[in-house]
Amino acid sequence: MPKAGFCAQCNAQVWLREDGSCVNGHPAEQVSAVFEAVPAGTVQPAARPSSLPWIVAGIAVIAVVALLASRPTTPTVDTSAGAAAVFQSASANAQLKSCQANIRTIEGAIQTYNATTPQEDQLTTYDWTTVMSVLVPDFLKSEPNCPGGGTYSFADPNDPSSLTCSIHGSLQ
């Protein structure tokens, strides 16, 4: 019976090779929570939502508080502009990380779909609308959205790893 597990490098549930490594090429040491997958035609493992955006946002808040606490304040100095700049930078970084996590999740869902689907039914062209109609809701709960308002598309209709965001770019 096929096995699946959570790959720390993919940050998602993935199918496993016989040696226990991730189908995306990551070593077995990066895989945890391994389980026997259910037969085809029933519920498939879905990508686990990433907690990374919340972690990054929490770190950003801590950094802003630490920065404000470490700076001497006087009645004549306005620190709000500096704090706002730090917060905006942290917010933009959190959006970038969240967007990249979305791209990884989509790529993982495509790989899972193609790995569990007969050859003649696999995705061969990568048009955003077509891909989403195949993946949602069985492999993705809903269509991912860029937190910064960008749109996702495939730069190369023959390459699933060419997924890009109009604001944050690709993973490369």
N, C-alpha and C. Protein backbone atom coordinates (compact mmCIF):
# COMPACT_ATOMS: atom_id res chain seq x y z
N MET A 1 0.86 -1.18 0.00
CA MET A 1 0.00 0.00 0.00
C MET A 1 0.90 1.23 0.00
N PRO A 2 0.57 2.26 -0.78
CA PRO A 2 1.41 3.47 -0.81
C PRO A 2 1.42 4.17 0.54
N LYS A 3 2.50 4.91 0.78
CA LYS A 3 2.64 5.64 2.04
C LYS A 3 2.76 7.13 1.75
N ALA A 4 2.34 7.91 2.73
CA ALA A 4 2.44 9.36 2.65
C ALA A 4 2.93 9.86 4.01
N GLY A 5 3.36 11.11 4.05
CA GLY A 5 3.82 11.68 5.30
C GLY A 5 4.01 13.17 5.14
N PHE A 6 4.43 13.83 6.22
CA PHE A 6 4.65 15.27 6.19
C PHE A 6 6.13 15.54 5.95
N CYS A 7 6.44 16.23 4.83
CA CYS A 7 7.82 16.58 4.49
C CYS A 7 8.10 17.98 5.04
N ALA A 8 9.12 18.10 5.88
CA ALA A 8 9.46 19.39 6.48
C ALA A 8 9.96 20.38 5.44
N GLN A 9 10.64 19.91 4.39
CA GLN A 9 11.13 20.83 3.38
C GLN A 9 10.02 21.30 2.46
N CYS A 10 9.07 20.45 2.14
CA CYS A 10 7.93 20.84 1.30
C CYS A 10 6.89 21.59 2.12
N ASN A 11 6.90 21.36 3.45
CA ASN A 11 5.92 21.91 4.36
C ASN A 11 4.52 21.47 3.95
N ALA A 12 4.40 20.19 3.57
CA ALA A 12 3.12 19.67 3.11
C ALA A 12 3.11 18.14 3.23
N GLN A 13 1.90 17.57 3.15
CA GLN A 13 1.75 16.12 3.08
C GLN A 13 2.19 15.70 1.68
N VAL A 14 3.01 14.67 1.59
CA VAL A 14 3.50 14.22 0.29
C VAL A 14 3.45 12.70 0.22
N TRP A 15 3.49 12.17 -1.00
CA TRP A 15 3.63 10.75 -1.22
C TRP A 15 5.08 10.38 -0.99
N LEU A 16 5.31 9.14 -0.55
CA LEU A 16 6.67 8.71 -0.25
C LEU A 16 7.12 7.63 -1.23
N ARG A 17 8.41 7.64 -1.48
CA ARG A 17 9.01 6.57 -2.27
C ARG A 17 9.19 5.36 -1.36
N GLU A 18 9.58 4.21 -1.95
CA GLU A 18 9.72 3.00 -1.15
C GLU A 18 10.78 3.13 -0.06
N ASP A 19 11.81 3.97 -0.29
CA ASP A 19 12.86 4.15 0.72
C ASP A 19 12.45 5.15 1.81
N GLY A 20 11.22 5.68 1.73
CA GLY A 20 10.74 6.61 2.74
C GLY A 20 11.03 8.06 2.44
N SER A 21 11.68 8.35 1.30
CA SER A 21 11.98 9.73 0.95
C SER A 21 10.77 10.36 0.26
N CYS A 22 10.76 11.68 0.25
CA CYS A 22 9.69 12.48 -0.35
C CYS A 22 9.74 12.35 -1.88
N VAL A 23 8.58 12.37 -2.54
CA VAL A 23 8.56 12.29 -4.00
C VAL A 23 9.20 13.50 -4.65
N ASN A 24 9.43 14.56 -3.88
CA ASN A 24 10.07 15.76 -4.41
C ASN A 24 11.58 15.70 -4.24
N GLY A 25 12.10 14.55 -3.79
CA GLY A 25 13.54 14.36 -3.70
C GLY A 25 14.15 14.65 -2.34
N HIS A 26 13.35 14.96 -1.35
CA HIS A 26 13.90 15.25 -0.03
C HIS A 26 14.14 13.93 0.73
N PRO A 27 15.20 13.86 1.54
CA PRO A 27 15.56 12.61 2.22
C PRO A 27 14.51 12.20 3.25
N ALA A 28 14.55 10.92 3.59
CA ALA A 28 13.59 10.35 4.53
C ALA A 28 13.66 11.03 5.90
N GLU A 29 14.82 11.59 6.26
CA GLU A 29 14.95 12.27 7.55
C GLU A 29 14.04 13.49 7.65
N GLN A 30 13.64 14.05 6.50
CA GLN A 30 12.79 15.24 6.48
C GLN A 30 11.31 14.88 6.57
N VAL A 31 10.99 13.57 6.57
CA VAL A 31 9.60 13.12 6.54
C VAL A 31 9.20 12.61 7.91
N SER A 32 8.03 13.05 8.38
CA SER A 32 7.50 12.57 9.66
C SER A 32 6.02 12.24 9.48
N ALA A 33 5.42 11.71 10.52
CA ALA A 33 4.00 11.37 10.54
C ALA A 33 3.63 10.50 9.33
N VAL A 34 4.42 9.46 9.10
CA VAL A 34 4.20 8.56 7.96
C VAL A 34 2.98 7.69 8.23
N PHE A 35 2.17 7.49 7.20
CA PHE A 35 1.00 6.63 7.32
C PHE A 35 0.74 5.93 6.00
N GLU A 36 0.02 4.81 6.07
CA GLU A 36 -0.35 4.10 4.85
C GLU A 36 -1.50 4.85 4.20
N ALA A 37 -1.36 5.11 2.91
CA ALA A 37 -2.36 5.89 2.19
C ALA A 37 -3.55 4.99 1.85
N VAL A 38 -4.69 5.61 1.70
CA VAL A 38 -5.90 4.87 1.36
C VAL A 38 -5.89 4.52 -0.12
N PRO A 39 -6.61 3.48 -0.52
CA PRO A 39 -6.65 3.11 -1.94
C PRO A 39 -7.19 4.25 -2.80
N ALA A 40 -6.79 4.25 -4.08
CA ALA A 40 -7.23 5.28 -5.03
C ALA A 40 -8.76 5.32 -5.08
N GLY A 41 -9.30 6.50 -5.29
CA GLY A 41 -10.74 6.66 -5.38
C GLY A 41 -11.37 7.08 -4.07
N THR A 42 -10.58 7.09 -2.99
CA THR A 42 -11.09 7.56 -1.70
C THR A 42 -10.34 8.82 -1.33
N VAL A 43 -10.48 9.24 -0.11
CA VAL A 43 -9.87 10.50 0.33
C VAL A 43 -8.35 10.42 0.22
N GLN A 44 -7.73 11.42 -0.37
CA GLN A 44 -6.29 11.49 -0.55
C GLN A 44 -5.71 12.48 0.47
N PRO A 45 -4.43 12.32 0.83
CA PRO A 45 -3.83 13.29 1.75
C PRO A 45 -3.76 14.67 1.09
N ALA A 46 -4.15 15.67 1.82
CA ALA A 46 -4.11 17.03 1.30
C ALA A 46 -2.96 17.78 1.94
N ALA A 47 -2.54 18.84 1.30
CA ALA A 47 -1.45 19.65 1.85
C ALA A 47 -1.89 20.27 3.16
N ARG A 48 -1.00 20.24 4.14
CA ARG A 48 -1.27 20.84 5.43
C ARG A 48 -1.06 22.34 5.33
N PRO A 49 -1.98 23.15 5.85
CA PRO A 49 -1.76 24.59 5.78
C PRO A 49 -0.52 24.98 6.57
N SER A 50 0.17 25.95 6.08
CA SER A 50 1.40 26.39 6.71
C SER A 50 1.13 27.34 7.85
N SER A 51 1.86 27.17 8.96
CA SER A 51 1.77 28.11 10.06
C SER A 51 2.86 29.16 9.94
N LEU A 52 3.68 29.07 8.90
CA LEU A 52 4.79 29.99 8.73
C LEU A 52 4.37 31.45 8.72
N PRO A 53 3.29 31.85 8.01
CA PRO A 53 2.92 33.27 8.03
C PRO A 53 2.64 33.78 9.44
N TRP A 54 2.01 32.97 10.28
CA TRP A 54 1.72 33.40 11.65
C TRP A 54 2.99 33.50 12.46
N ILE A 55 3.92 32.58 12.24
CA ILE A 55 5.19 32.63 12.96
C ILE A 55 5.96 33.88 12.56
N VAL A 56 6.03 34.16 11.26
CA VAL A 56 6.75 35.33 10.77
C VAL A 56 6.10 36.60 11.31
N ALA A 57 4.77 36.67 11.30
CA ALA A 57 4.08 37.85 11.81
C ALA A 57 4.36 38.04 13.30
N GLY A 58 4.38 36.94 14.07
CA GLY A 58 4.68 37.02 15.49
C GLY A 58 6.09 37.53 15.74
N ILE A 59 7.04 37.04 14.96
CA ILE A 59 8.43 37.49 15.08
C ILE A 59 8.52 38.98 14.74
N ALA A 60 7.77 39.41 13.73
CA ALA A 60 7.79 40.82 13.34
C ALA A 60 7.27 41.70 14.47
N VAL A 61 6.21 41.28 15.13
CA VAL A 61 5.66 42.06 16.24
C VAL A 61 6.67 42.14 17.38
N ILE A 62 7.32 41.01 17.68
CA ILE A 62 8.34 40.99 18.74
C ILE A 62 9.49 41.93 18.37
N ALA A 63 9.90 41.92 17.11
CA ALA A 63 11.00 42.78 16.67
C ALA A 63 10.62 44.25 16.81
N VAL A 64 9.41 44.60 16.46
CA VAL A 64 8.96 46.00 16.58
C VAL A 64 8.94 46.41 18.05
N VAL A 65 8.40 45.56 18.91
CA VAL A 65 8.35 45.89 20.34
C VAL A 65 9.76 46.02 20.90
N ALA A 66 10.66 45.10 20.55
CA ALA A 66 12.03 45.17 21.03
C ALA A 66 12.73 46.42 20.53
N LEU A 67 12.51 46.78 19.28
CA LEU A 67 13.11 47.99 18.73
C LEU A 67 12.62 49.23 19.47
N LEU A 68 11.33 49.30 19.70
CA LEU A 68 10.78 50.46 20.40
C LEU A 68 11.25 50.51 21.85
N ALA A 69 11.37 49.35 22.50
CA ALA A 69 11.79 49.32 23.89
C ALA A 69 13.26 49.67 24.05
N SER A 70 14.09 49.39 23.05
CA SER A 70 15.52 49.63 23.16
C SER A 70 15.92 51.05 22.80
N ARG A 71 15.05 51.81 22.18
CA ARG A 71 15.38 53.18 21.76
C ARG A 71 15.01 54.15 22.87
N PRO A 72 15.92 55.05 23.21
CA PRO A 72 15.57 56.06 24.21
C PRO A 72 14.54 57.01 23.63
N THR A 73 13.59 57.37 24.45
CA THR A 73 12.55 58.28 23.98
C THR A 73 12.66 59.61 24.69
N THR A 74 12.45 60.64 23.95
CA THR A 74 12.39 61.99 24.52
C THR A 74 11.15 62.65 23.97
N PRO A 75 10.64 63.65 24.64
CA PRO A 75 9.41 64.29 24.15
C PRO A 75 9.55 64.92 22.77
N THR A 76 10.78 65.25 22.34
CA THR A 76 10.95 65.94 21.06
C THR A 76 11.20 65.00 19.90
N VAL A 77 11.33 63.68 20.15
CA VAL A 77 11.64 62.72 19.09
C VAL A 77 10.37 61.97 18.71
N ASP A 78 10.07 61.91 17.42
CA ASP A 78 8.91 61.16 16.93
C ASP A 78 9.39 59.81 16.41
N THR A 79 9.13 58.73 17.16
CA THR A 79 9.58 57.39 16.74
C THR A 79 8.52 56.66 15.94
N SER A 80 7.36 57.22 15.75
CA SER A 80 6.28 56.51 15.06
C SER A 80 6.63 56.23 13.61
N ALA A 81 7.37 57.15 12.95
CA ALA A 81 7.73 56.93 11.55
C ALA A 81 8.68 55.75 11.43
N GLY A 82 9.65 55.63 12.33
CA GLY A 82 10.59 54.49 12.30
C GLY A 82 9.90 53.18 12.57
N ALA A 83 9.01 53.19 13.55
CA ALA A 83 8.27 51.97 13.87
C ALA A 83 7.38 51.55 12.72
N ALA A 84 6.76 52.52 12.07
CA ALA A 84 5.89 52.21 10.93
C ALA A 84 6.69 51.59 9.79
N ALA A 85 7.91 52.11 9.57
CA ALA A 85 8.75 51.56 8.50
C ALA A 85 9.16 50.13 8.82
N VAL A 86 9.52 49.87 10.08
CA VAL A 86 9.90 48.51 10.48
C VAL A 86 8.70 47.58 10.33
N PHE A 87 7.53 48.04 10.76
CA PHE A 87 6.34 47.19 10.65
C PHE A 87 5.99 46.91 9.20
N GLN A 88 6.08 47.92 8.33
CA GLN A 88 5.78 47.71 6.90
C GLN A 88 6.75 46.71 6.29
N SER A 89 8.02 46.81 6.65
CA SER A 89 9.02 45.87 6.13
C SER A 89 8.72 44.45 6.60
N ALA A 90 8.39 44.31 7.88
CA ALA A 90 8.07 42.99 8.43
C ALA A 90 6.81 42.44 7.79
N SER A 91 5.83 43.30 7.56
CA SER A 91 4.58 42.86 6.94
C SER A 91 4.82 42.39 5.50
N ALA A 92 5.64 43.13 4.75
CA ALA A 92 5.95 42.74 3.37
C ALA A 92 6.69 41.41 3.34
N ASN A 93 7.60 41.19 4.30
CA ASN A 93 8.33 39.93 4.37
C ASN A 93 7.39 38.77 4.70
N ALA A 94 6.45 39.01 5.61
CA ALA A 94 5.47 37.97 5.96
C ALA A 94 4.60 37.62 4.75
N GLN A 95 4.21 38.64 3.97
CA GLN A 95 3.41 38.38 2.77
C GLN A 95 4.20 37.57 1.76
N LEU A 96 5.48 37.89 1.58
CA LEU A 96 6.34 37.15 0.65
C LEU A 96 6.43 35.68 1.08
N LYS A 97 6.69 35.43 2.35
CA LYS A 97 6.82 34.05 2.85
C LYS A 97 5.51 33.29 2.69
N SER A 98 4.39 33.94 2.96
CA SER A 98 3.09 33.30 2.81
C SER A 98 2.81 32.98 1.34
N CYS A 99 3.15 33.89 0.45
CA CYS A 99 2.96 33.68 -0.98
C CYS A 99 3.81 32.49 -1.45
N GLN A 100 5.07 32.44 -1.01
CA GLN A 100 5.96 31.33 -1.38
C GLN A 100 5.41 30.01 -0.85
N ALA A 101 4.85 30.02 0.35
CA ALA A 101 4.24 28.81 0.90
C ALA A 101 3.05 28.36 0.04
N ASN A 102 2.25 29.33 -0.45
CA ASN A 102 1.14 29.00 -1.35
C ASN A 102 1.66 28.32 -2.62
N ILE A 103 2.73 28.86 -3.20
CA ILE A 103 3.29 28.29 -4.43
C ILE A 103 3.75 26.86 -4.18
N ARG A 104 4.44 26.63 -3.05
CA ARG A 104 4.88 25.26 -2.72
C ARG A 104 3.69 24.32 -2.55
N THR A 105 2.64 24.80 -1.91
CA THR A 105 1.44 23.99 -1.69
C THR A 105 0.79 23.61 -3.02
N ILE A 106 0.68 24.57 -3.93
CA ILE A 106 0.08 24.31 -5.24
C ILE A 106 0.93 23.31 -6.01
N GLU A 107 2.26 23.50 -6.02
CA GLU A 107 3.14 22.56 -6.73
C GLU A 107 3.02 21.16 -6.13
N GLY A 108 2.92 21.06 -4.81
CA GLY A 108 2.75 19.76 -4.16
C GLY A 108 1.43 19.10 -4.53
N ALA A 109 0.37 19.90 -4.62
CA ALA A 109 -0.94 19.36 -5.00
C ALA A 109 -0.91 18.84 -6.44
N ILE A 110 -0.21 19.56 -7.32
CA ILE A 110 -0.08 19.11 -8.72
C ILE A 110 0.67 17.78 -8.76
N GLN A 111 1.76 17.68 -8.02
CA GLN A 111 2.54 16.44 -8.01
C GLN A 111 1.73 15.29 -7.43
N THR A 112 0.97 15.56 -6.38
CA THR A 112 0.13 14.51 -5.78
C THR A 112 -0.94 14.07 -6.76
N TYR A 113 -1.58 15.03 -7.42
CA TYR A 113 -2.61 14.69 -8.41
C TYR A 113 -2.02 13.81 -9.51
N ASN A 114 -0.91 14.23 -10.09
CA ASN A 114 -0.31 13.47 -11.18
C ASN A 114 0.20 12.11 -10.71
N ALA A 115 0.64 12.00 -9.45
CA ALA A 115 1.14 10.72 -8.94
C ALA A 115 0.01 9.73 -8.67
N THR A 116 -1.19 10.23 -8.46
CA THR A 116 -2.31 9.35 -8.09
C THR A 116 -3.35 9.21 -9.20
N THR A 117 -3.05 9.73 -10.37
CA THR A 117 -4.01 9.73 -11.48
C THR A 117 -3.44 8.92 -12.64
N PRO A 118 -4.28 8.17 -13.34
CA PRO A 118 -3.79 7.43 -14.51
C PRO A 118 -3.13 8.37 -15.52
N GLN A 119 -2.15 7.86 -16.24
CA GLN A 119 -1.35 8.66 -17.18
C GLN A 119 -2.21 9.50 -18.12
N GLU A 120 -3.28 8.93 -18.66
CA GLU A 120 -4.08 9.66 -19.65
C GLU A 120 -4.89 10.80 -19.03
N ASP A 121 -5.06 10.82 -17.71
CA ASP A 121 -5.83 11.87 -17.05
C ASP A 121 -4.94 12.91 -16.35
N GLN A 122 -3.63 12.75 -16.41
CA GLN A 122 -2.74 13.68 -15.72
C GLN A 122 -2.72 15.04 -16.41
N LEU A 123 -2.34 16.04 -15.64
CA LEU A 123 -2.23 17.40 -16.19
C LEU A 123 -1.06 17.44 -17.17
N THR A 124 -1.30 17.97 -18.34
CA THR A 124 -0.23 18.12 -19.34
C THR A 124 -0.07 19.57 -19.76
N THR A 125 -1.06 20.39 -19.48
CA THR A 125 -0.95 21.81 -19.76
C THR A 125 -1.25 22.55 -18.47
N TYR A 126 -0.56 23.62 -18.23
CA TYR A 126 -0.67 24.31 -16.96
C TYR A 126 -1.24 25.72 -17.13
N ASP A 127 -2.55 25.73 -17.35
CA ASP A 127 -3.33 26.95 -17.40
C ASP A 127 -3.96 27.09 -16.01
N TRP A 128 -3.88 28.25 -15.40
CA TRP A 128 -4.31 28.43 -14.01
C TRP A 128 -5.75 27.95 -13.80
N THR A 129 -6.68 28.33 -14.67
CA THR A 129 -8.08 27.95 -14.50
C THR A 129 -8.25 26.43 -14.59
N THR A 130 -7.58 25.81 -15.54
CA THR A 130 -7.66 24.35 -15.69
C THR A 130 -7.09 23.65 -14.46
N VAL A 131 -5.94 24.07 -14.01
CA VAL A 131 -5.29 23.44 -12.86
C VAL A 131 -6.18 23.55 -11.62
N MET A 132 -6.74 24.74 -11.37
CA MET A 132 -7.58 24.92 -10.19
C MET A 132 -8.85 24.08 -10.28
N SER A 133 -9.42 23.95 -11.49
CA SER A 133 -10.64 23.15 -11.62
C SER A 133 -10.38 21.67 -11.33
N VAL A 134 -9.13 21.22 -11.55
CA VAL A 134 -8.76 19.83 -11.27
C VAL A 134 -8.42 19.63 -9.79
N LEU A 135 -7.74 20.60 -9.17
CA LEU A 135 -7.22 20.43 -7.82
C LEU A 135 -8.22 20.76 -6.70
N VAL A 136 -9.11 21.72 -6.94
CA VAL A 136 -10.06 22.14 -5.90
C VAL A 136 -11.35 21.37 -6.08
N PRO A 137 -11.93 20.72 -5.10
CA PRO A 137 -11.59 20.68 -3.69
C PRO A 137 -10.87 19.42 -3.25
N ASP A 138 -10.54 18.51 -4.18
CA ASP A 138 -9.98 17.22 -3.76
C ASP A 138 -8.53 17.31 -3.30
N PHE A 139 -7.72 18.19 -3.88
CA PHE A 139 -6.31 18.28 -3.53
C PHE A 139 -5.96 19.60 -2.84
N LEU A 140 -6.80 20.60 -3.00
CA LEU A 140 -6.68 21.88 -2.29
C LEU A 140 -8.07 22.22 -1.77
N LYS A 141 -8.17 22.74 -0.55
CA LYS A 141 -9.48 23.11 -0.01
C LYS A 141 -10.14 24.20 -0.84
N SER A 142 -9.33 25.18 -1.23
CA SER A 142 -9.83 26.29 -2.03
C SER A 142 -8.68 26.86 -2.84
N GLU A 143 -9.00 27.72 -3.78
CA GLU A 143 -7.97 28.35 -4.61
C GLU A 143 -7.13 29.30 -3.75
N PRO A 144 -5.82 29.08 -3.68
CA PRO A 144 -4.97 29.96 -2.88
C PRO A 144 -4.92 31.37 -3.45
N ASN A 145 -4.83 32.35 -2.57
CA ASN A 145 -4.73 33.75 -2.96
C ASN A 145 -3.48 34.36 -2.36
N CYS A 146 -2.80 35.17 -3.13
CA CYS A 146 -1.61 35.88 -2.65
C CYS A 146 -2.05 36.87 -1.58
N PRO A 147 -1.39 36.88 -0.42
CA PRO A 147 -1.76 37.82 0.64
C PRO A 147 -1.50 39.28 0.26
N GLY A 148 -0.66 39.51 -0.74
CA GLY A 148 -0.37 40.87 -1.17
C GLY A 148 -1.25 41.34 -2.32
N GLY A 149 -2.19 40.49 -2.75
CA GLY A 149 -3.09 40.86 -3.83
C GLY A 149 -2.60 40.49 -5.22
N GLY A 150 -1.51 39.72 -5.31
CA GLY A 150 -0.99 39.29 -6.61
C GLY A 150 -1.84 38.19 -7.22
N THR A 151 -1.56 37.87 -8.47
CA THR A 151 -2.26 36.76 -9.14
C THR A 151 -1.24 35.71 -9.53
N TYR A 152 -1.65 34.45 -9.44
CA TYR A 152 -0.78 33.34 -9.79
C TYR A 152 -1.01 32.94 -11.24
N SER A 153 0.08 32.54 -11.92
CA SER A 153 -0.02 32.02 -13.28
C SER A 153 1.23 31.19 -13.56
N PHE A 154 1.16 30.41 -14.63
CA PHE A 154 2.30 29.60 -15.05
C PHE A 154 3.02 30.33 -16.17
N ALA A 155 4.32 30.58 -15.99
CA ALA A 155 5.11 31.27 -17.01
C ALA A 155 5.26 30.39 -18.25
N ASP A 156 5.34 29.07 -18.04
CA ASP A 156 5.49 28.11 -19.13
C ASP A 156 4.34 27.11 -19.05
N PRO A 157 3.45 27.05 -20.05
CA PRO A 157 2.30 26.15 -19.97
C PRO A 157 2.67 24.67 -19.96
N ASN A 158 3.94 24.34 -20.15
CA ASN A 158 4.38 22.95 -20.12
C ASN A 158 5.18 22.61 -18.87
N ASP A 159 5.32 23.56 -17.94
CA ASP A 159 6.16 23.36 -16.77
C ASP A 159 5.42 23.74 -15.50
N PRO A 160 5.02 22.75 -14.67
CA PRO A 160 4.29 23.07 -13.44
C PRO A 160 5.13 23.85 -12.42
N SER A 161 6.46 23.78 -12.52
CA SER A 161 7.30 24.50 -11.56
C SER A 161 7.54 25.95 -11.99
N SER A 162 6.87 26.40 -13.06
CA SER A 162 7.03 27.78 -13.52
C SER A 162 5.97 28.70 -12.91
N LEU A 163 5.32 28.24 -11.85
CA LEU A 163 4.28 29.02 -11.19
C LEU A 163 4.88 30.31 -10.62
N THR A 164 4.26 31.44 -10.91
CA THR A 164 4.76 32.73 -10.44
C THR A 164 3.61 33.57 -9.88
N CYS A 165 3.98 34.52 -9.06
CA CYS A 165 3.05 35.51 -8.52
C CYS A 165 3.38 36.84 -9.19
N SER A 166 2.36 37.59 -9.55
CA SER A 166 2.57 38.86 -10.24
C SER A 166 3.28 39.88 -9.35
N ILE A 167 3.26 39.70 -8.06
CA ILE A 167 3.93 40.63 -7.14
C ILE A 167 5.24 40.04 -6.61
N HIS A 168 5.21 38.79 -6.16
CA HIS A 168 6.37 38.20 -5.46
C HIS A 168 7.27 37.34 -6.34
N GLY A 169 6.89 37.09 -7.57
CA GLY A 169 7.72 36.29 -8.46
C GLY A 169 7.60 34.79 -8.21
N SER A 170 8.65 34.07 -8.59
CA SER A 170 8.64 32.60 -8.46
C SER A 170 9.53 32.19 -7.30
N LEU A 171 9.62 30.88 -7.06
CA LEU A 171 10.47 30.38 -5.98
C LEU A 171 11.94 30.44 -6.37
N GLN A 172 12.25 30.47 -7.67
CA GLN A 172 13.64 30.51 -8.08
C GLN A 172 14.13 31.87 -7.83
